Amino acid sequence: MTLRLRVREVAEEKGFNLSQLARKADLGMTTARRLWFSTGDGRERGVPLQYISLDALDRIASVLDVDPSKLLVRD
């Protein structure tokens, strides 16, 4: 069983696109893309993300006004 980020799904539900989320969370576009697509290289169909910055996850959760746990799902 693995964990997957739901950043994209939650952000789109709240009306954010990738650029807006990166800017509001004060994240670089590379980091934002990795979290948005849940991939290590930031590509839509890239290798699954294995490590995340808790600071970055917390920033995104704050912008989206959700608990950080809402951004994770078990696959």
Protein backbone atom coordinates (compact mmCIF):
# COMPACT_ATOMS: atom_id res chain seq x y z
CA MET A 1 0.00 0.00 0.00
CA THR A 2 1.29 3.46 -0.87
CA LEU A 3 0.37 7.04 -0.07
CA ARG A 4 -0.55 9.50 -2.79
CA LEU A 5 -0.99 13.24 -2.56
CA ARG A 6 -4.36 14.74 -3.40
CA VAL A 7 -3.07 18.28 -3.86
CA ARG A 8 -4.40 18.66 -7.38
CA GLU A 9 -7.86 17.32 -6.57
CA VAL A 10 -8.31 19.47 -3.48
CA ALA A 11 -6.87 22.58 -5.15
CA GLU A 12 -9.15 22.26 -8.16
CA GLU A 13 -12.16 21.75 -5.86
CA LYS A 14 -11.22 25.05 -4.20
CA GLY A 15 -10.76 26.83 -7.56
CA PHE A 16 -6.96 26.95 -7.70
CA ASN A 17 -4.77 26.11 -10.65
CA LEU A 18 -1.13 25.06 -10.32
CA SER A 19 0.33 28.55 -10.81
CA GLN A 20 -2.02 30.18 -8.34
CA LEU A 21 -1.30 27.55 -5.71
CA ALA A 22 2.48 27.84 -6.15
CA ARG A 23 2.31 31.62 -5.84
CA LYS A 24 -0.02 31.68 -2.81
CA ALA A 25 1.97 28.95 -1.00
CA ASP A 26 5.26 30.70 -1.88
CA LEU A 27 6.68 27.56 -3.50
CA GLY A 28 8.92 27.22 -6.52
CA MET A 29 7.17 25.88 -9.59
CA THR A 30 9.26 22.67 -9.57
CA THR A 31 8.22 21.87 -6.01
CA ALA A 32 4.61 22.78 -6.72
CA ARG A 33 4.55 20.54 -9.82
CA ARG A 34 5.99 17.60 -7.85
CA LEU A 35 3.26 17.96 -5.22
CA TRP A 36 0.50 18.70 -7.76
CA PHE A 37 1.25 15.58 -9.82
CA SER A 38 2.56 13.51 -6.87
CA THR A 39 5.63 12.61 -8.90
CA GLY A 40 9.32 12.87 -8.15
CA ASP A 41 10.13 14.71 -11.37
CA GLY A 42 7.06 16.95 -11.56
CA ARG A 43 5.78 15.31 -14.74
CA GLU A 44 2.16 14.28 -14.97
CA ARG A 45 3.07 10.62 -15.52
CA GLY A 46 6.43 10.54 -13.79
CA VAL A 47 7.91 8.30 -11.17
CA PRO A 48 5.81 8.36 -7.98
CA LEU A 49 6.85 10.87 -5.36
CA GLN A 50 8.74 9.25 -2.49
CA TYR A 51 9.72 12.20 -0.28
CA ILE A 52 7.89 15.40 0.56
CA SER A 53 8.73 18.48 2.54
CA LEU A 54 6.37 18.76 5.47
CA ASP A 55 6.84 22.53 5.32
CA ALA A 56 5.66 22.59 1.70
CA LEU A 57 2.72 20.31 2.50
CA ASP A 58 1.77 22.55 5.42
CA ARG A 59 1.96 25.69 3.25
CA ILE A 60 -0.34 24.15 0.67
CA ALA A 61 -2.77 22.92 3.32
CA SER A 62 -2.85 26.41 4.80
CA VAL A 63 -3.60 28.04 1.43
CA LEU A 64 -6.32 25.47 0.74
CA ASP A 65 -7.67 25.82 4.29
CA VAL A 66 -7.58 22.07 4.98
CA ASP A 67 -5.81 19.83 7.45
CA PRO A 68 -2.61 18.41 5.86
CA SER A 69 -4.01 14.89 6.32
CA LYS A 70 -6.73 15.74 3.77
CA LEU A 71 -4.01 15.96 1.12
CA LEU A 72 -2.99 12.30 1.53
CA VAL A 73 -4.76 9.11 0.47
CA ARG A 74 -3.76 5.45 0.59
CA ASP A 75 -3.75 3.73 -2.78
